[in-house]
Amino acid sequence: MLELASDIGKGQSLEEASNLMVTMRNLRADVLDEFMAHCKRVKVVLLVSNLGVEARFSWAKNLHQHVDHLGAGRRWSNKIRNGRLTLKPH
């Protein structure tokens, strides 16, 4: 899932990622938390957190701590094939 988030805008669309994320309802929150704790890419942390929150998954409720760790209030923006992708912290 982290690699999928990393590839958005480089061949993977946000819509495709969102559609795949819907199938990830039963992730092990403790394992995901460990991976997110080591992730240093704002884009990846924001995407995984935002997509999980949008899908209302229970494992997403504590991911904001990783966003805050990388920089509270920090956003990520980049030009992609179909325009611009801007991710804002929640």
PDB file of N, CA and C in Angstrom:
ATOM      1  N   MET A   1       0.817  -1.183   0.000  1.00  0.00           N
ATOM      2  CA  MET A   1       0.000   0.000   0.000  1.00  0.00           C
ATOM      3  C   MET A   1       0.867   1.256   0.000  1.00  0.00           C
ATOM      4  N   LEU A   2       1.974   1.234   0.726  1.00  0.00           N
ATOM      5  CA  LEU A   2       2.860   2.399   0.741  1.00  0.00           C
ATOM      6  C   LEU A   2       3.512   2.608  -0.619  1.00  0.00           C
ATOM      7  N   GLU A   3       3.882   1.532  -1.283  1.00  0.00           N
ATOM      8  CA  GLU A   3       4.447   1.653  -2.634  1.00  0.00           C
ATOM      9  C   GLU A   3       3.399   2.167  -3.615  1.00  0.00           C
ATOM     10  N   LEU A   4       2.178   1.717  -3.472  1.00  0.00           N
ATOM     11  CA  LEU A   4       1.085   2.191  -4.311  1.00  0.00           C
ATOM     12  C   LEU A   4       0.916   3.699  -4.141  1.00  0.00           C
ATOM     13  N   ALA A   5       0.915   4.167  -2.909  1.00  0.00           N
ATOM     14  CA  ALA A   5       0.798   5.599  -2.638  1.00  0.00           C
ATOM     15  C   ALA A   5       1.982   6.363  -3.213  1.00  0.00           C
ATOM     16  N   SER A   6       3.137   5.771  -3.157  1.00  0.00           N
ATOM     17  CA  SER A   6       4.335   6.413  -3.691  1.00  0.00           C
ATOM     18  C   SER A   6       4.268   6.586  -5.201  1.00  0.00           C
ATOM     19  N   ASP A   7       3.592   5.661  -5.885  1.00  0.00           N
ATOM     20  CA  ASP A   7       3.527   5.688  -7.351  1.00  0.00           C
ATOM     21  C   ASP A   7       2.417   6.565  -7.913  1.00  0.00           C
ATOM     22  N   ILE A   8       1.589   7.139  -7.067  1.00  0.00           N
ATOM     23  CA  ILE A   8       0.524   8.012  -7.556  1.00  0.00           C
ATOM     24  C   ILE A   8       1.158   9.241  -8.200  1.00  0.00           C
ATOM     25  N   GLY A   9       0.719   9.499  -9.412  1.00  0.00           N
ATOM     26  CA  GLY A   9       1.278  10.599 -10.186  1.00  0.00           C
ATOM     27  C   GLY A   9       2.421  10.167 -11.084  1.00  0.00           C
ATOM     28  N   LYS A  10       2.888   8.929 -10.915  1.00  0.00           N
ATOM     29  CA  LYS A  10       3.971   8.396 -11.748  1.00  0.00           C
ATOM     30  C   LYS A  10       3.516   7.105 -12.424  1.00  0.00           C
ATOM     31  N   GLY A  11       2.306   7.097 -12.920  1.00  0.00           N
ATOM     32  CA  GLY A  11       1.784   5.903 -13.579  1.00  0.00           C
ATOM     33  C   GLY A  11       0.591   5.322 -12.851  1.00  0.00           C
ATOM     34  N   GLN A  12       0.425   5.650 -11.605  1.00  0.00           N
ATOM     35  CA  GLN A  12      -0.712   5.184 -10.814  1.00  0.00           C
ATOM     36  C   GLN A  12      -1.617   6.376 -10.545  1.00  0.00           C
ATOM     37  N   SER A  13      -2.908   6.239 -10.814  1.00  0.00           N
ATOM     38  CA  SER A  13      -3.816   7.366 -10.590  1.00  0.00           C
ATOM     39  C   SER A  13      -4.374   7.319  -9.167  1.00  0.00           C
ATOM     40  N   LEU A  14      -4.799   8.471  -8.696  1.00  0.00           N
ATOM     41  CA  LEU A  14      -5.405   8.563  -7.373  1.00  0.00           C
ATOM     42  C   LEU A  14      -6.694   7.743  -7.330  1.00  0.00           C
ATOM     43  N   GLU A  15      -7.442   7.755  -8.415  1.00  0.00           N
ATOM     44  CA  GLU A  15      -8.689   6.983  -8.467  1.00  0.00           C
ATOM     45  C   GLU A  15      -8.424   5.485  -8.345  1.00  0.00           C
ATOM     46  N   GLU A  16      -7.392   4.989  -9.050  1.00  0.00           N
ATOM     47  CA  GLU A  16      -7.035   3.569  -8.958  1.00  0.00           C
ATOM     48  C   GLU A  16      -6.622   3.212  -7.535  1.00  0.00           C
ATOM     49  N   ALA A  17      -5.829   4.069  -6.936  1.00  0.00           N
ATOM     50  CA  ALA A  17      -5.368   3.824  -5.569  1.00  0.00           C
ATOM     51  C   ALA A  17      -6.539   3.820  -4.594  1.00  0.00           C
ATOM     52  N   SER A  18      -7.441   4.750  -4.785  1.00  0.00           N
ATOM     53  CA  SER A  18      -8.624   4.826  -3.924  1.00  0.00           C
ATOM     54  C   SER A  18      -9.477   3.572  -4.067  1.00  0.00           C
ATOM     55  N   ASN A  19      -9.646   3.099  -5.290  1.00  0.00           N
ATOM     56  CA  ASN A  19     -10.421   1.876  -5.529  1.00  0.00           C
ATOM     57  C   ASN A  19      -9.759   0.659  -4.881  1.00  0.00           C
ATOM     58  N   LEU A  20      -8.443   0.585  -4.925  1.00  0.00           N
ATOM     59  CA  LEU A  20      -7.733  -0.520  -4.281  1.00  0.00           C
ATOM     60  C   LEU A  20      -7.767  -0.404  -2.764  1.00  0.00           C
ATOM     61  N   MET A  21      -7.723   0.812  -2.271  1.00  0.00           N
ATOM     62  CA  MET A  21      -7.721   1.045  -0.828  1.00  0.00           C
ATOM     63  C   MET A  21      -9.005   0.518  -0.187  1.00  0.00           C
ATOM     64  N   VAL A  22     -10.108   0.584  -0.914  1.00  0.00           N
ATOM     65  CA  VAL A  22     -11.396   0.125  -0.386  1.00  0.00           C
ATOM     66  C   VAL A  22     -11.325  -1.344   0.028  1.00  0.00           C
ATOM     67  N   THR A  23     -10.448  -2.101  -0.599  1.00  0.00           N
ATOM     68  CA  THR A  23     -10.329  -3.528  -0.279  1.00  0.00           C
ATOM     69  C   THR A  23      -9.439  -3.784   0.937  1.00  0.00           C
ATOM     70  N   MET A  24      -8.864  -2.755   1.496  1.00  0.00           N
ATOM     71  CA  MET A  24      -7.903  -2.916   2.588  1.00  0.00           C
ATOM     72  C   MET A  24      -8.504  -2.574   3.953  1.00  0.00           C
ATOM     73  N   ARG A  25      -9.701  -2.994   4.160  1.00  0.00           N
ATOM     74  CA  ARG A  25     -10.425  -2.693   5.395  1.00  0.00           C
ATOM     75  C   ARG A  25      -9.779  -3.341   6.623  1.00  0.00           C
ATOM     76  N   ASN A  26      -9.236  -4.522   6.477  1.00  0.00           N
ATOM     77  CA  ASN A  26      -8.779  -5.298   7.628  1.00  0.00           C
ATOM     78  C   ASN A  26      -7.261  -5.342   7.776  1.00  0.00           C
ATOM     79  N   LEU A  27      -6.621  -4.220   7.593  1.00  0.00           N
ATOM     80  CA  LEU A  27      -5.175  -4.173   7.793  1.00  0.00           C
ATOM     81  C   LEU A  27      -4.855  -4.295   9.278  1.00  0.00           C
ATOM     82  N   ARG A  28      -3.696  -4.828   9.566  1.00  0.00           N
ATOM     83  CA  ARG A  28      -3.239  -4.902  10.961  1.00  0.00           C
ATOM     84  C   ARG A  28      -2.695  -3.533  11.341  1.00  0.00           C
ATOM     85  N   ALA A  29      -3.412  -2.839  12.179  1.00  0.00           N
ATOM     86  CA  ALA A  29      -3.073  -1.461  12.553  1.00  0.00           C
ATOM     87  C   ALA A  29      -1.683  -1.355  13.170  1.00  0.00           C
ATOM     88  N   ASP A  30      -1.283  -2.335  13.962  1.00  0.00           N
ATOM     89  CA  ASP A  30       0.031  -2.275  14.606  1.00  0.00           C
ATOM     90  C   ASP A  30       1.163  -2.375  13.590  1.00  0.00           C
ATOM     91  N   VAL A  31       0.987  -3.198  12.563  1.00  0.00           N
ATOM     92  CA  VAL A  31       2.015  -3.344  11.523  1.00  0.00           C
ATOM     93  C   VAL A  31       2.060  -2.084  10.650  1.00  0.00           C
ATOM     94  N   LEU A  32       0.900  -1.592  10.256  1.00  0.00           N
ATOM     95  CA  LEU A  32       0.850  -0.364   9.469  1.00  0.00           C
ATOM     96  C   LEU A  32       1.463   0.794  10.242  1.00  0.00           C
ATOM     97  N   ASP A  33       1.178   0.878  11.526  1.00  0.00           N
ATOM     98  CA  ASP A  33       1.735   1.928  12.368  1.00  0.00           C
ATOM     99  C   ASP A  33       3.265   1.875  12.364  1.00  0.00           C
ATOM    100  N   GLU A  34       3.809   0.696  12.418  1.00  0.00           N
ATOM    101  CA  GLU A  34       5.276   0.527  12.396  1.00  0.00           C
ATOM    102  C   GLU A  34       5.863   0.998  11.063  1.00  0.00           C
ATOM    103  N   PHE A  35       5.236   0.614   9.965  1.00  0.00           N
ATOM    104  CA  PHE A  35       5.701   1.061   8.649  1.00  0.00           C
ATOM    105  C   PHE A  35       5.609   2.575   8.514  1.00  0.00           C
ATOM    106  N   MET A  36       4.492   3.128   8.955  1.00  0.00           N
ATOM    107  CA  MET A  36       4.291   4.575   8.846  1.00  0.00           C
ATOM    108  C   MET A  36       5.288   5.339   9.726  1.00  0.00           C
ATOM    109  N   ALA A  37       5.668   4.766  10.847  1.00  0.00           N
ATOM    110  CA  ALA A  37       6.628   5.412  11.743  1.00  0.00           C
ATOM    111  C   ALA A  37       7.990   5.563  11.073  1.00  0.00           C
ATOM    112  N   HIS A  38       8.311   4.663  10.156  1.00  0.00           N
ATOM    113  CA  HIS A  38       9.603   4.699   9.473  1.00  0.00           C
ATOM    114  C   HIS A  38       9.563   5.413   8.127  1.00  0.00           C
ATOM    115  N   CYS A  39       8.373   5.733   7.651  1.00  0.00           N
ATOM    116  CA  CYS A  39       8.217   6.388   6.357  1.00  0.00           C
ATOM    117  C   CYS A  39       8.581   7.868   6.475  1.00  0.00           C
ATOM    118  N   LYS A  40       9.397   8.355   5.567  1.00  0.00           N
ATOM    119  CA  LYS A  40       9.865   9.745   5.598  1.00  0.00           C
ATOM    120  C   LYS A  40       9.278  10.592   4.476  1.00  0.00           C
ATOM    121  N   ARG A  41       8.417  10.011   3.664  1.00  0.00           N
ATOM    122  CA  ARG A  41       7.854  10.732   2.520  1.00  0.00           C
ATOM    123  C   ARG A  41       6.490  11.309   2.883  1.00  0.00           C
ATOM    124  N   VAL A  42       6.399  12.625   2.888  1.00  0.00           N
ATOM    125  CA  VAL A  42       5.162  13.313   3.242  1.00  0.00           C
ATOM    126  C   VAL A  42       4.021  12.851   2.350  1.00  0.00           C
ATOM    127  N   LYS A  43       4.272  12.720   1.056  1.00  0.00           N
ATOM    128  CA  LYS A  43       3.244  12.303   0.105  1.00  0.00           C
ATOM    129  C   LYS A  43       2.635  10.968   0.518  1.00  0.00           C
ATOM    130  N   VAL A  44       3.453  10.005   0.825  1.00  0.00           N
ATOM    131  CA  VAL A  44       2.981   8.662   1.153  1.00  0.00           C
ATOM    132  C   VAL A  44       2.178   8.671   2.450  1.00  0.00           C
ATOM    133  N   VAL A  45       2.694   9.325   3.462  1.00  0.00           N
ATOM    134  CA  VAL A  45       2.011   9.369   4.753  1.00  0.00           C
ATOM    135  C   VAL A  45       0.662  10.078   4.624  1.00  0.00           C
ATOM    136  N   LEU A  46       0.642  11.202   3.923  1.00  0.00           N
ATOM    137  CA  LEU A  46      -0.606  11.930   3.736  1.00  0.00           C
ATOM    138  C   LEU A  46      -1.622  11.118   2.936  1.00  0.00           C
ATOM    139  N   LEU A  47      -1.183  10.495   1.858  1.00  0.00           N
ATOM    140  CA  LEU A  47      -2.102   9.714   1.023  1.00  0.00           C
ATOM    141  C   LEU A  47      -2.701   8.536   1.777  1.00  0.00           C
ATOM    142  N   VAL A  48      -1.875   7.769   2.440  1.00  0.00           N
ATOM    143  CA  VAL A  48      -2.382   6.605   3.167  1.00  0.00           C
ATOM    144  C   VAL A  48      -3.345   7.059   4.264  1.00  0.00           C
ATOM    145  N   SER A  49      -2.968   8.086   4.977  1.00  0.00           N
ATOM    146  CA  SER A  49      -3.825   8.612   6.032  1.00  0.00           C
ATOM    147  C   SER A  49      -5.141   9.147   5.472  1.00  0.00           C
ATOM    148  N   ASN A  50      -5.059   9.984   4.453  1.00  0.00           N
ATOM    149  CA  ASN A  50      -6.269  10.586   3.873  1.00  0.00           C
ATOM    150  C   ASN A  50      -7.199   9.542   3.257  1.00  0.00           C
ATOM    151  N   LEU A  51      -6.642   8.609   2.507  1.00  0.00           N
ATOM    152  CA  LEU A  51      -7.466   7.581   1.886  1.00  0.00           C
ATOM    153  C   LEU A  51      -8.124   6.683   2.936  1.00  0.00           C
ATOM    154  N   GLY A  52      -7.405   6.358   3.981  1.00  0.00           N
ATOM    155  CA  GLY A  52      -7.974   5.547   5.062  1.00  0.00           C
ATOM    156  C   GLY A  52      -9.079   6.268   5.808  1.00  0.00           C
ATOM    157  N   VAL A  53      -8.875   7.554   6.062  1.00  0.00           N
ATOM    158  CA  VAL A  53      -9.898   8.354   6.745  1.00  0.00           C
ATOM    159  C   VAL A  53     -11.131   8.496   5.867  1.00  0.00           C
ATOM    160  N   GLU A  54     -10.930   8.778   4.579  1.00  0.00           N
ATOM    161  CA  GLU A  54     -12.062   8.905   3.650  1.00  0.00           C
ATOM    162  C   GLU A  54     -12.888   7.621   3.579  1.00  0.00           C
ATOM    163  N   ALA A  55     -12.222   6.481   3.656  1.00  0.00           N
ATOM    164  CA  ALA A  55     -12.912   5.194   3.610  1.00  0.00           C
ATOM    165  C   ALA A  55     -13.486   4.807   4.979  1.00  0.00           C
ATOM    166  N   ARG A  56     -13.192   5.598   5.994  1.00  0.00           N
ATOM    167  CA  ARG A  56     -13.674   5.384   7.370  1.00  0.00           C
ATOM    168  C   ARG A  56     -13.201   4.054   7.950  1.00  0.00           C
ATOM    169  N   PHE A  57     -11.944   3.726   7.688  1.00  0.00           N
ATOM    170  CA  PHE A  57     -11.369   2.505   8.241  1.00  0.00           C
ATOM    171  C   PHE A  57     -10.873   2.765   9.657  1.00  0.00           C
ATOM    172  N   SER A  58     -11.049   1.784  10.526  1.00  0.00           N
ATOM    173  CA  SER A  58     -10.621   1.951  11.922  1.00  0.00           C
ATOM    174  C   SER A  58      -9.111   2.106  12.041  1.00  0.00           C
ATOM    175  N   TRP A  59      -8.350   1.484  11.141  1.00  0.00           N
ATOM    176  CA  TRP A  59      -6.896   1.569  11.228  1.00  0.00           C
ATOM    177  C   TRP A  59      -6.374   2.955  10.891  1.00  0.00           C
ATOM    178  N   ALA A  60      -7.189   3.801  10.296  1.00  0.00           N
ATOM    179  CA  ALA A  60      -6.747   5.130   9.871  1.00  0.00           C
ATOM    180  C   ALA A  60      -6.867   6.184  10.962  1.00  0.00           C
ATOM    181  N   LYS A  61      -7.595   5.896  12.033  1.00  0.00           N
ATOM    182  CA  LYS A  61      -7.891   6.939  13.009  1.00  0.00           C
ATOM    183  C   LYS A  61      -6.662   7.468  13.739  1.00  0.00           C
ATOM    184  N   ASN A  62      -5.594   6.704  13.845  1.00  0.00           N
ATOM    185  CA  ASN A  62      -4.402   7.165  14.560  1.00  0.00           C
ATOM    186  C   ASN A  62      -3.234   7.524  13.650  1.00  0.00           C
ATOM    187  N   LEU A  63      -3.451   7.505  12.349  1.00  0.00           N
ATOM    188  CA  LEU A  63      -2.355   7.789  11.427  1.00  0.00           C
ATOM    189  C   LEU A  63      -1.965   9.261  11.387  1.00  0.00           C
ATOM    190  N   HIS A  64      -2.823  10.143  11.866  1.00  0.00           N
ATOM    191  CA  HIS A  64      -2.493  11.570  11.865  1.00  0.00           C
ATOM    192  C   HIS A  64      -1.231  11.862  12.664  1.00  0.00           C
ATOM    193  N   GLN A  65      -0.898  11.011  13.627  1.00  0.00           N
ATOM    194  CA  GLN A  65       0.326  11.216  14.401  1.00  0.00           C
ATOM    195  C   GLN A  65       1.566  11.166  13.518  1.00  0.00           C
ATOM    196  N   HIS A  66       1.527  10.357  12.472  1.00  0.00           N
ATOM    197  CA  HIS A  66       2.671  10.259  11.566  1.00  0.00           C
ATOM    198  C   HIS A  66       2.751  11.486  10.661  1.00  0.00           C
ATOM    199  N   VAL A  67       1.604  12.012  10.286  1.00  0.00           N
ATOM    200  CA  VAL A  67       1.570  13.254   9.515  1.00  0.00           C
ATOM    201  C   VAL A  67       2.143  14.379  10.363  1.00  0.00           C
ATOM    202  N   ASP A  68       1.722  14.443  11.624  1.00  0.00           N
ATOM    203  CA  ASP A  68       2.222  15.466  12.542  1.00  0.00           C
ATOM    204  C   ASP A  68       3.721  15.327  12.775  1.00  0.00           C
ATOM    205  N   HIS A  69       4.204  14.099  12.810  1.00  0.00           N
ATOM    206  CA  HIS A  69       5.637  13.845  13.027  1.00  0.00           C
ATOM    207  C   HIS A  69       6.493  14.418  11.891  1.00  0.00           C
ATOM    208  N   LEU A  70       5.985  14.339  10.668  1.00  0.00           N
ATOM    209  CA  LEU A  70       6.725  14.853   9.520  1.00  0.00           C
ATOM    210  C   LEU A  70       6.602  16.364   9.376  1.00  0.00           C
ATOM    211  N   GLY A  71       5.699  16.945  10.096  1.00  0.00           N
ATOM    212  CA  GLY A  71       5.526  18.386  10.037  1.00  0.00           C
ATOM    213  C   GLY A  71       4.058  18.756  10.079  1.00  0.00           C
ATOM    214  N   ALA A  72       3.591  19.144  11.232  1.00  0.00           N
ATOM    215  CA  ALA A  72       2.176  19.498  11.395  1.00  0.00           C
ATOM    216  C   ALA A  72       1.818  20.635  10.444  1.00  0.00           C
ATOM    217  N   GLY A  73       0.692  20.488   9.789  1.00  0.00           N
ATOM    218  CA  GLY A  73       0.216  21.515   8.875  1.00  0.00           C
ATOM    219  C   GLY A  73       0.912  21.513   7.527  1.00  0.00           C
ATOM    220  N   ARG A  74       1.798  20.569   7.313  1.00  0.00           N
ATOM    221  CA  ARG A  74       2.551  20.503   6.066  1.00  0.00           C
ATOM    222  C   ARG A  74       1.702  19.867   4.977  1.00  0.00           C
ATOM    223  N   ARG A  75       1.734  20.432   3.795  1.00  0.00           N
ATOM    224  CA  ARG A  75       0.999  19.850   2.682  1.00  0.00           C
ATOM    225  C   ARG A  75       1.972  19.414   1.609  1.00  0.00           C
ATOM    226  N   TRP A  76       1.469  18.623   0.687  1.00  0.00           N
ATOM    227  CA  TRP A  76       2.287  18.138  -0.419  1.00  0.00           C
ATOM    228  C   TRP A  76       1.537  18.434  -1.700  1.00  0.00           C
ATOM    229  N   SER A  77       2.245  18.934  -2.693  1.00  0.00           N
ATOM    230  CA  SER A  77       1.630  19.253  -3.972  1.00  0.00           C
ATOM    231  C   SER A  77       2.601  18.924  -5.090  1.00  0.00           C
ATOM    232  N   ASN A  78       2.054  18.416  -6.194  1.00  0.00           N
ATOM    233  CA  ASN A  78       2.895  18.059  -7.324  1.00  0.00           C
ATOM    234  C   ASN A  78       2.041  18.004  -8.581  1.00  0.00           C
ATOM    235  N   LYS A  79       2.658  18.302  -9.698  1.00  0.00           N
ATOM    236  CA  LYS A  79       1.972  18.213 -10.979  1.00  0.00           C
ATOM    237  C   LYS A  79       1.943  16.751 -11.409  1.00  0.00           C
ATOM    238  N   ILE A  80       0.762  16.300 -11.821  1.00  0.00           N
ATOM    239  CA  ILE A  80       0.604  14.942 -12.320  1.00  0.00           C
ATOM    240  C   ILE A  80       0.018  15.009 -13.724  1.00  0.00           C
ATOM    241  N   ARG A  81      -0.141  13.880 -14.353  1.00  0.00           N
ATOM    242  CA  ARG A  81      -0.603  13.835 -15.747  1.00  0.00           C
ATOM    243  C   ARG A  81      -1.906  14.590 -15.983  1.00  0.00           C
ATOM    244  N   ASN A  82      -2.849  14.466 -15.086  1.00  0.00           N
ATOM    245  CA  ASN A  82      -4.167  15.060 -15.273  1.00  0.00           C
ATOM    246  C   ASN A  82      -4.345  16.389 -14.543  1.00  0.00           C
ATOM    247  N   GLY A  83      -3.282  17.041 -14.168  1.00  0.00           N
ATOM    248  CA  GLY A  83      -3.398  18.317 -13.451  1.00  0.00           C
ATOM    249  C   GLY A  83      -2.435  18.386 -12.284  1.00  0.00           C
ATOM    250  N   ARG A  84      -2.968  18.745 -11.131  1.00  0.00           N
ATOM    251  CA  ARG A  84      -2.152  18.897  -9.931  1.00  0.00           C
ATOM    252  C   ARG A  84      -2.809  18.150  -8.790  1.00  0.00           C
ATOM    253  N   LEU A  85      -1.985  17.445  -8.023  1.00  0.00           N
ATOM    254  CA  LEU A  85      -2.437  16.719  -6.843  1.00  0.00           C
ATOM    255  C   LEU A  85      -1.932  17.462  -5.631  1.00  0.00           C
ATOM    256  N   THR A  86      -2.840  17.886  -4.782  1.00  0.00           N
ATOM    257  CA  THR A  86      -2.480  18.591  -3.552  1.00  0.00           C
ATOM    258  C   THR A  86      -3.088  17.832  -2.388  1.00  0.00           C
ATOM    259  N   LEU A  87      -2.238  17.480  -1.450  1.00  0.00           N
ATOM    260  CA  LEU A  87      -2.679  16.743  -0.259  1.00  0.00           C
ATOM    261  C   LEU A  87      -2.518  17.653   0.954  1.00  0.00           C
ATOM    262  N   LYS A  88      -3.594  17.851   1.659  1.00  0.00           N
ATOM    263  CA  LYS A  88      -3.568  18.698   2.855  1.00  0.00           C
ATOM    264  C   LYS A  88      -3.718  17.813   4.080  1.00  0.00           C
ATOM    265  N   PRO A  89      -3.008  18.141   5.141  1.00  0.00           N
ATOM    266  CA  PRO A  89      -3.184  17.366   6.374  1.00  0.00           C
ATOM    267  C   PRO A  89      -4.575  17.607   6.947  1.00  0.00           C
ATOM    268  N   HIS A  90      -5.135  16.605   7.576  1.00  0.00           N
ATOM    269  CA  HIS A  90      -6.478  16.774   8.150  1.00  0.00           C
ATOM    270  C   HIS A  90      -6.401  17.192   9.588  1.00  0.00           C
TER     271      HIS A  90
END
